[in-house]
Amino acid sequence: MQNRRLFDYIPAILRNARELQILIDRAEQPETDRLWERLSWLWDEQFIETAGDTALSRWEQMMGLPPASSFAERRAAVLRRLREAPVFTLKALIATLEEMCGAGKVAVTMDYDNYTLIVRMEPGGPVNAARSLLTRRVPANILLDVDFYYARHIDLSPYTHEQLSESTHINIREDV
C-alpha cells in the first residue's frame, strides 16, 4: 500500500501546530488508513484473480458451483464457467450436442416463428446433461423443447405389417 500520510497534504505554515499534528496522527490518519485498506479490498474483490472469500462465494452461488477447498481451485472453477462459449450459434450448439450424445444421435431444429429450440435425441441419451448445457448456453428468450426422438408413424410407412411384427412395440418406437 502506498504511503498516504495526511500530514504531507497540510500547508507548510500549519505543520508546526501541535494540535493539528495530534489530531491528524491520532484521529484522522487511522481512519484514512482503514478507508484505503477497505477501498483496496473492494478493488481486489472486483476481479476473480484477486477475489477473496466474499466475492468467490457470491460467484459460486450465482453459478451454482460447489465450493472448492482452496482459493486457487475456486477461482479456476469460476473462470472456467465464465469462459464457456457465451456466443450462441446453432452450428456450435449442434457440434457440442453431437460431441456429448454421439454423431447422428441428436436432431436440433429452430422454430424461429415461436422462438423455440427443439432438441431430440435417441432414447437413453444424456438428456439431463443436455438440458443443463442448453439452459446455460441458450439465450433466455428462446424456449427449450428437449426430449427423446421416437419413431413416428410416417417413419414406419415404408415397412409392411409383416416386417414390423418381427419387433416389439418398444423396439420399433425407440429404434429410429
Protein backbone atom coordinates (compact mmCIF):
# COMPACT_ATOMS: atom_id res chain seq x y z
CA MET A 1 0.00 0.00 0.00
CA GLN A 2 1.24 3.47 -0.79
CA ASN A 3 2.27 5.85 1.93
CA ARG A 4 -0.65 8.27 2.19
CA ARG A 5 0.19 10.48 5.14
CA LEU A 6 -2.36 13.23 5.61
CA PHE A 7 0.29 15.39 7.25
CA ASP A 8 2.04 15.70 3.85
CA TYR A 9 -1.04 17.48 2.48
CA ILE A 10 -1.07 20.16 5.19
CA PRO A 11 0.32 23.57 4.13
CA ALA A 12 3.84 24.19 5.42
CA ILE A 13 2.70 27.08 7.60
CA LEU A 14 0.41 24.78 9.64
CA ARG A 15 2.79 21.84 10.08
CA ASN A 16 4.22 23.18 13.34
CA ALA A 17 0.82 23.42 15.03
CA ARG A 18 0.91 20.77 17.79
CA GLU A 19 -2.91 20.45 17.94
CA LEU A 20 -3.09 19.71 14.21
CA GLN A 21 -0.30 17.13 14.43
CA ILE A 22 -2.10 15.27 17.24
CA LEU A 23 -5.47 15.49 15.50
CA ILE A 24 -4.08 14.06 12.28
CA ASP A 25 -1.88 11.37 13.88
CA ARG A 26 -4.44 10.06 16.39
CA ALA A 27 -7.80 10.59 14.73
CA GLU A 28 -7.72 11.28 11.01
CA GLN A 29 -4.76 9.17 9.85
CA PRO A 30 -6.02 5.86 11.34
CA GLU A 31 -9.47 6.43 9.79
CA THR A 32 -7.95 7.31 6.45
CA ASP A 33 -5.72 4.21 6.56
CA ARG A 34 -8.74 2.00 7.28
CA LEU A 35 -10.62 3.66 4.42
CA TRP A 36 -7.76 3.00 1.99
CA GLU A 37 -7.49 -0.62 3.17
CA ARG A 38 -11.21 -1.12 2.63
CA LEU A 39 -11.01 0.52 -0.78
CA SER A 40 -8.11 -1.75 -1.73
CA TRP A 41 -10.10 -4.79 -0.55
CA LEU A 42 -13.12 -3.70 -2.61
CA TRP A 43 -10.93 -3.23 -5.66
CA ASP A 44 -9.47 -6.73 -5.25
CA GLU A 45 -12.97 -8.24 -4.87
CA GLN A 46 -13.93 -6.90 -8.31
CA PHE A 47 -11.58 -9.27 -10.13
CA ILE A 48 -11.71 -13.05 -9.91
CA GLU A 49 -7.93 -13.40 -9.99
CA THR A 50 -7.62 -11.38 -6.74
CA ALA A 51 -11.04 -12.04 -5.18
CA GLY A 52 -11.34 -13.26 -1.64
CA ASP A 53 -13.87 -15.46 0.09
CA THR A 54 -16.76 -12.97 -0.08
CA ALA A 55 -16.66 -12.43 -3.84
CA LEU A 56 -15.88 -16.06 -4.68
CA SER A 57 -18.80 -17.24 -2.54
CA ARG A 58 -21.09 -14.88 -4.40
CA TRP A 59 -19.84 -16.06 -7.81
CA GLU A 60 -20.23 -19.71 -6.76
CA GLN A 61 -23.77 -19.03 -5.57
CA MET A 62 -24.76 -17.23 -8.80
CA MET A 63 -23.31 -20.00 -10.98
CA GLY A 64 -24.45 -22.93 -8.87
CA LEU A 65 -20.91 -24.17 -8.31
CA PRO A 66 -19.97 -26.26 -5.28
CA PRO A 67 -17.33 -24.53 -3.16
CA ALA A 68 -13.84 -25.98 -3.60
CA SER A 69 -11.21 -26.32 -0.91
CA SER A 70 -8.67 -23.68 -1.94
CA PHE A 71 -8.89 -20.18 -3.38
CA ALA A 72 -6.97 -21.29 -6.48
CA GLU A 73 -9.46 -24.09 -7.19
CA ARG A 74 -12.42 -21.80 -6.55
CA ARG A 75 -11.05 -19.12 -8.86
CA ALA A 76 -10.32 -21.73 -11.55
CA ALA A 77 -13.87 -23.11 -11.35
CA VAL A 78 -15.45 -19.65 -11.66
CA LEU A 79 -13.16 -18.70 -14.55
CA ARG A 80 -13.92 -21.99 -16.35
CA ARG A 81 -17.63 -21.30 -16.11
CA LEU A 82 -17.19 -17.72 -17.31
CA ARG A 83 -15.07 -18.85 -20.25
CA GLU A 84 -17.72 -21.21 -21.57
CA ALA A 85 -18.73 -20.09 -25.01
CA PRO A 86 -21.26 -17.32 -24.35
CA VAL A 87 -21.94 -16.68 -28.02
CA PHE A 88 -24.92 -18.69 -29.23
CA THR A 89 -24.71 -20.08 -32.72
CA LEU A 90 -26.82 -23.01 -33.79
CA LYS A 91 -23.87 -24.63 -35.57
CA ALA A 92 -21.67 -24.52 -32.45
CA LEU A 93 -24.51 -25.80 -30.27
CA ILE A 94 -25.18 -28.75 -32.60
CA ALA A 95 -21.47 -29.62 -32.60
CA THR A 96 -21.40 -29.57 -28.80
CA LEU A 97 -24.52 -31.73 -28.53
CA GLU A 98 -23.18 -34.22 -31.08
CA GLU A 99 -19.97 -34.43 -29.12
CA MET A 100 -22.00 -35.14 -25.98
CA CYS A 101 -24.55 -37.58 -27.48
CA GLY A 102 -22.71 -39.01 -30.47
CA ALA A 103 -22.80 -38.06 -34.13
CA GLY A 104 -26.21 -38.62 -35.69
CA LYS A 105 -27.89 -39.31 -32.35
CA VAL A 106 -29.31 -35.84 -31.87
CA ALA A 107 -31.57 -33.68 -34.03
CA VAL A 108 -31.72 -29.93 -33.47
CA THR A 109 -34.18 -27.61 -35.15
CA MET A 110 -35.05 -24.00 -34.51
CA ASP A 111 -38.64 -22.80 -34.75
CA TYR A 112 -37.93 -19.14 -35.43
CA ASP A 113 -41.59 -18.11 -35.50
CA ASN A 114 -42.17 -19.39 -31.95
CA TYR A 115 -38.66 -18.76 -30.57
CA THR A 116 -38.31 -22.44 -29.70
CA LEU A 117 -35.25 -24.68 -29.93
CA ILE A 118 -36.30 -28.30 -30.44
CA VAL A 119 -33.76 -30.95 -29.47
CA ARG A 120 -34.49 -34.64 -29.99
CA MET A 121 -32.04 -37.38 -29.08
CA GLU A 122 -32.09 -41.15 -29.19
CA PRO A 123 -33.62 -42.89 -26.15
CA GLY A 124 -31.09 -43.49 -23.42
CA GLY A 125 -29.09 -40.39 -24.35
CA PRO A 126 -27.80 -37.93 -21.75
CA VAL A 127 -30.99 -35.84 -21.65
CA ASN A 128 -30.28 -34.31 -18.21
CA ALA A 129 -26.75 -33.27 -19.18
CA ALA A 130 -28.08 -31.84 -22.45
CA ARG A 131 -30.77 -29.85 -20.61
CA SER A 132 -28.17 -28.48 -18.22
CA LEU A 133 -25.90 -27.43 -21.09
CA LEU A 134 -28.76 -25.87 -23.04
CA THR A 135 -30.02 -23.97 -20.01
CA ARG A 136 -26.60 -22.37 -19.60
CA ARG A 137 -25.87 -21.67 -23.27
CA VAL A 138 -29.15 -20.83 -24.98
CA PRO A 139 -30.34 -17.21 -24.65
CA ALA A 140 -33.17 -16.65 -22.17
CA ASN A 141 -35.67 -15.54 -24.82
CA ILE A 142 -35.59 -18.94 -26.57
CA LEU A 143 -37.80 -21.74 -25.26
CA LEU A 144 -36.28 -25.20 -24.96
CA ASP A 145 -38.07 -28.39 -26.03
CA VAL A 146 -35.75 -31.28 -25.14
CA ASP A 147 -36.96 -34.86 -25.39
CA PHE A 148 -36.17 -38.26 -26.82
CA TYR A 149 -36.71 -38.93 -30.51
CA TYR A 150 -39.14 -41.75 -31.15
CA ALA A 151 -40.18 -43.34 -34.42
CA ARG A 152 -43.30 -41.75 -35.88
CA HIS A 153 -45.94 -43.39 -37.99
CA ILE A 154 -44.66 -41.61 -41.07
CA ASP A 155 -41.17 -43.00 -40.43
CA LEU A 156 -42.58 -46.54 -40.45
CA SER A 157 -44.73 -46.24 -43.58
CA PRO A 158 -42.16 -47.89 -45.89
CA TYR A 159 -42.41 -51.13 -43.83
CA THR A 160 -45.13 -53.76 -44.08
CA HIS A 161 -47.04 -55.11 -41.09
CA GLU A 162 -45.23 -58.40 -41.52
CA GLN A 163 -41.82 -56.68 -41.28
CA LEU A 164 -42.90 -54.71 -38.22
CA SER A 165 -44.36 -57.75 -36.46
CA GLU A 166 -40.84 -59.15 -36.10
CA SER A 167 -40.05 -56.48 -33.47
CA THR A 168 -41.71 -55.41 -30.24
CA HIS A 169 -43.52 -52.11 -29.91
CA ILE A 170 -40.75 -50.68 -27.72
CA ASN A 171 -38.04 -51.68 -30.19
CA ILE A 172 -39.94 -50.12 -33.07
CA ARG A 173 -40.60 -46.96 -31.08
CA GLU A 174 -37.04 -46.46 -29.87
CA ASP A 175 -35.04 -47.78 -32.87
CA VAL A 176 -35.48 -44.93 -35.26
